[in-house]
Amino acid sequence: MGWMGVIEGHSLLFIAWLANPGYFGTMIISPSWRRVRYFLAFLAFILSLTVFFVDSVPTDLAGNTEKVIPGIGAYLWISAMLLNVIYHRDRYLSKHSG
């Protein structure tokens, strides 16, 4: 329901969800665009950190919400974002160091 966060009034949920297109964008963009891929990976990581500011999520269309605490899934998701940044940073720096 991340992309529906704007409609439901949960803008932080939407901002955190925006990390997903950024993450997958790094896989789609041409490998020769290393700077763009690195920037996009870093932006996705920063956006993913906003998940720690989400305190409730909508449970139905009636507007009911439920409190949430980030669990193992959130930490794995953020870890994937961080590994993506590290990978693209190394690729970017390897082009410029030699």
C-alpha atoms as a PDB file:
ATOM      1  CA  MET A   1       0.000   0.000   0.000  1.00  0.00           C
ATOM      2  CA  GLY A   2       3.042   2.263  -0.181  1.00  0.00           C
ATOM      3  CA  TRP A   3       2.117   4.066  -3.381  1.00  0.00           C
ATOM      4  CA  MET A   4      -1.399   4.641  -2.010  1.00  0.00           C
ATOM      5  CA  GLY A   5       0.094   6.451   0.975  1.00  0.00           C
ATOM      6  CA  VAL A   6      -0.438   9.820  -0.684  1.00  0.00           C
ATOM      7  CA  ILE A   7      -4.101   9.070  -1.323  1.00  0.00           C
ATOM      8  CA  GLU A   8      -4.646   7.849   2.234  1.00  0.00           C
ATOM      9  CA  GLY A   9      -2.721  10.737   3.769  1.00  0.00           C
ATOM     10  CA  HIS A  10       0.325   8.728   4.820  1.00  0.00           C
ATOM     11  CA  SER A  11       2.982  10.694   2.965  1.00  0.00           C
ATOM     12  CA  LEU A  12       5.909   9.138   4.880  1.00  0.00           C
ATOM     13  CA  LEU A  13       4.759   5.710   3.775  1.00  0.00           C
ATOM     14  CA  PHE A  14       4.762   6.932   0.181  1.00  0.00           C
ATOM     15  CA  ILE A  15       8.216   8.498   0.523  1.00  0.00           C
ATOM     16  CA  ALA A  16       9.629   5.236   1.884  1.00  0.00           C
ATOM     17  CA  TRP A  17       7.999   3.325  -0.966  1.00  0.00           C
ATOM     18  CA  LEU A  18       9.708   5.607  -3.516  1.00  0.00           C
ATOM     19  CA  ALA A  19      12.957   3.853  -2.641  1.00  0.00           C
ATOM     20  CA  ASN A  20      11.740   0.791  -4.596  1.00  0.00           C
ATOM     21  CA  PRO A  21      11.634   2.431  -8.056  1.00  0.00           C
ATOM     22  CA  GLY A  22      15.034   3.965  -7.328  1.00  0.00           C
ATOM     23  CA  TYR A  23      16.450   0.590  -6.377  1.00  0.00           C
ATOM     24  CA  PHE A  24      15.129  -1.099  -9.500  1.00  0.00           C
ATOM     25  CA  GLY A  25      16.107   1.910 -11.608  1.00  0.00           C
ATOM     26  CA  THR A  26      19.752   1.219 -10.782  1.00  0.00           C
ATOM     27  CA  MET A  27      19.337  -2.172 -12.420  1.00  0.00           C
ATOM     28  CA  ILE A  28      17.678  -0.840 -15.561  1.00  0.00           C
ATOM     29  CA  ILE A  29      19.864   2.193 -16.312  1.00  0.00           C
ATOM     30  CA  SER A  30      22.760   1.632 -18.706  1.00  0.00           C
ATOM     31  CA  PRO A  31      25.949   0.445 -16.963  1.00  0.00           C
ATOM     32  CA  SER A  32      27.883   3.255 -18.662  1.00  0.00           C
ATOM     33  CA  TRP A  33      25.920   5.799 -16.589  1.00  0.00           C
ATOM     34  CA  ARG A  34      27.752   4.973 -13.358  1.00  0.00           C
ATOM     35  CA  ARG A  35      27.308   8.368 -11.754  1.00  0.00           C
ATOM     36  CA  VAL A  36      23.542   8.315 -12.277  1.00  0.00           C
ATOM     37  CA  ARG A  37      23.306   4.770 -10.953  1.00  0.00           C
ATOM     38  CA  TYR A  38      25.333   5.673  -7.874  1.00  0.00           C
ATOM     39  CA  PHE A  39      23.222   8.781  -7.209  1.00  0.00           C
ATOM     40  CA  LEU A  40      19.988   6.830  -7.652  1.00  0.00           C
ATOM     41  CA  ALA A  41      21.188   4.077  -5.308  1.00  0.00           C
ATOM     42  CA  PHE A  42      22.138   6.654  -2.667  1.00  0.00           C
ATOM     43  CA  LEU A  43      18.797   8.445  -3.038  1.00  0.00           C
ATOM     44  CA  ALA A  44      16.922   5.154  -2.698  1.00  0.00           C
ATOM     45  CA  PHE A  45      18.848   4.375   0.490  1.00  0.00           C
ATOM     46  CA  ILE A  46      18.019   7.778   2.008  1.00  0.00           C
ATOM     47  CA  LEU A  47      14.350   7.378   1.077  1.00  0.00           C
ATOM     48  CA  SER A  48      14.265   3.896   2.603  1.00  0.00           C
ATOM     49  CA  LEU A  49      15.384   5.297   5.950  1.00  0.00           C
ATOM     50  CA  THR A  50      12.111   7.217   6.241  1.00  0.00           C
ATOM     51  CA  VAL A  51      10.434   3.904   7.083  1.00  0.00           C
ATOM     52  CA  PHE A  52      11.622   4.465  10.664  1.00  0.00           C
ATOM     53  CA  PHE A  53       9.373   7.532  10.888  1.00  0.00           C
ATOM     54  CA  VAL A  54       6.217   5.633   9.880  1.00  0.00           C
ATOM     55  CA  ASP A  55       4.247   4.832  13.006  1.00  0.00           C
ATOM     56  CA  SER A  56       1.005   3.515  11.518  1.00  0.00           C
ATOM     57  CA  VAL A  57      -0.237   2.027   8.256  1.00  0.00           C
ATOM     58  CA  PRO A  58      -3.739   1.899   6.782  1.00  0.00           C
ATOM     59  CA  THR A  59      -5.446  -1.465   7.196  1.00  0.00           C
ATOM     60  CA  ASP A  60      -8.551  -0.887   5.088  1.00  0.00           C
ATOM     61  CA  LEU A  61     -10.363   1.680   2.971  1.00  0.00           C
ATOM     62  CA  ALA A  62     -12.410   2.883   5.936  1.00  0.00           C
ATOM     63  CA  GLY A  63      -9.394   4.776   7.221  1.00  0.00           C
ATOM     64  CA  ASN A  64      -8.492   2.421  10.049  1.00  0.00           C
ATOM     65  CA  THR A  65      -4.811   2.253  10.878  1.00  0.00           C
ATOM     66  CA  GLU A  66      -2.573  -0.020  12.854  1.00  0.00           C
ATOM     67  CA  LYS A  67       0.616   0.859  14.707  1.00  0.00           C
ATOM     68  CA  VAL A  68       3.782  -0.678  13.268  1.00  0.00           C
ATOM     69  CA  ILE A  69       7.280  -1.320  14.505  1.00  0.00           C
ATOM     70  CA  PRO A  70       9.991  -1.983  11.900  1.00  0.00           C
ATOM     71  CA  GLY A  71      10.935  -5.652  12.009  1.00  0.00           C
ATOM     72  CA  ILE A  72      13.347  -7.971  10.261  1.00  0.00           C
ATOM     73  CA  GLY A  73      11.776  -7.258   6.863  1.00  0.00           C
ATOM     74  CA  ALA A  74      12.455  -3.527   7.148  1.00  0.00           C
ATOM     75  CA  TYR A  75      16.046  -4.165   8.180  1.00  0.00           C
ATOM     76  CA  LEU A  76      16.610  -6.588   5.298  1.00  0.00           C
ATOM     77  CA  TRP A  77      15.070  -4.102   2.872  1.00  0.00           C
ATOM     78  CA  ILE A  78      17.317  -1.283   4.101  1.00  0.00           C
ATOM     79  CA  SER A  79      20.319  -3.636   4.028  1.00  0.00           C
ATOM     80  CA  ALA A  80      19.597  -4.344   0.355  1.00  0.00           C
ATOM     81  CA  MET A  81      19.476  -0.606  -0.294  1.00  0.00           C
ATOM     82  CA  LEU A  82      22.808  -0.115   1.497  1.00  0.00           C
ATOM     83  CA  LEU A  83      24.473  -2.970  -0.390  1.00  0.00           C
ATOM     84  CA  ASN A  84      23.220  -1.404  -3.613  1.00  0.00           C
ATOM     85  CA  VAL A  85      24.893   1.895  -2.665  1.00  0.00           C
ATOM     86  CA  ILE A  86      28.162   0.142  -1.808  1.00  0.00           C
ATOM     87  CA  TYR A  87      28.128  -1.820  -5.059  1.00  0.00           C
ATOM     88  CA  HIS A  88      27.486   1.227  -7.242  1.00  0.00           C
ATOM     89  CA  ARG A  89      29.966   3.363  -5.294  1.00  0.00           C
ATOM     90  CA  ASP A  90      32.672   0.777  -5.935  1.00  0.00           C
ATOM     91  CA  ARG A  91      31.755   0.607  -9.624  1.00  0.00           C
ATOM     92  CA  TYR A  92      31.804   4.400  -9.888  1.00  0.00           C
ATOM     93  CA  LEU A  93      35.132   4.750  -8.077  1.00  0.00           C
ATOM     94  CA  SER A  94      36.781   1.932 -10.036  1.00  0.00           C
ATOM     95  CA  LYS A  95      36.138   3.844 -13.247  1.00  0.00           C
ATOM     96  CA  HIS A  96      37.652   7.043 -11.868  1.00  0.00           C
ATOM     97  CA  SER A  97      40.618   5.605  -9.980  1.00  0.00           C
ATOM     98  CA  GLY A  98      42.455   3.961 -12.828  1.00  0.00           C
END
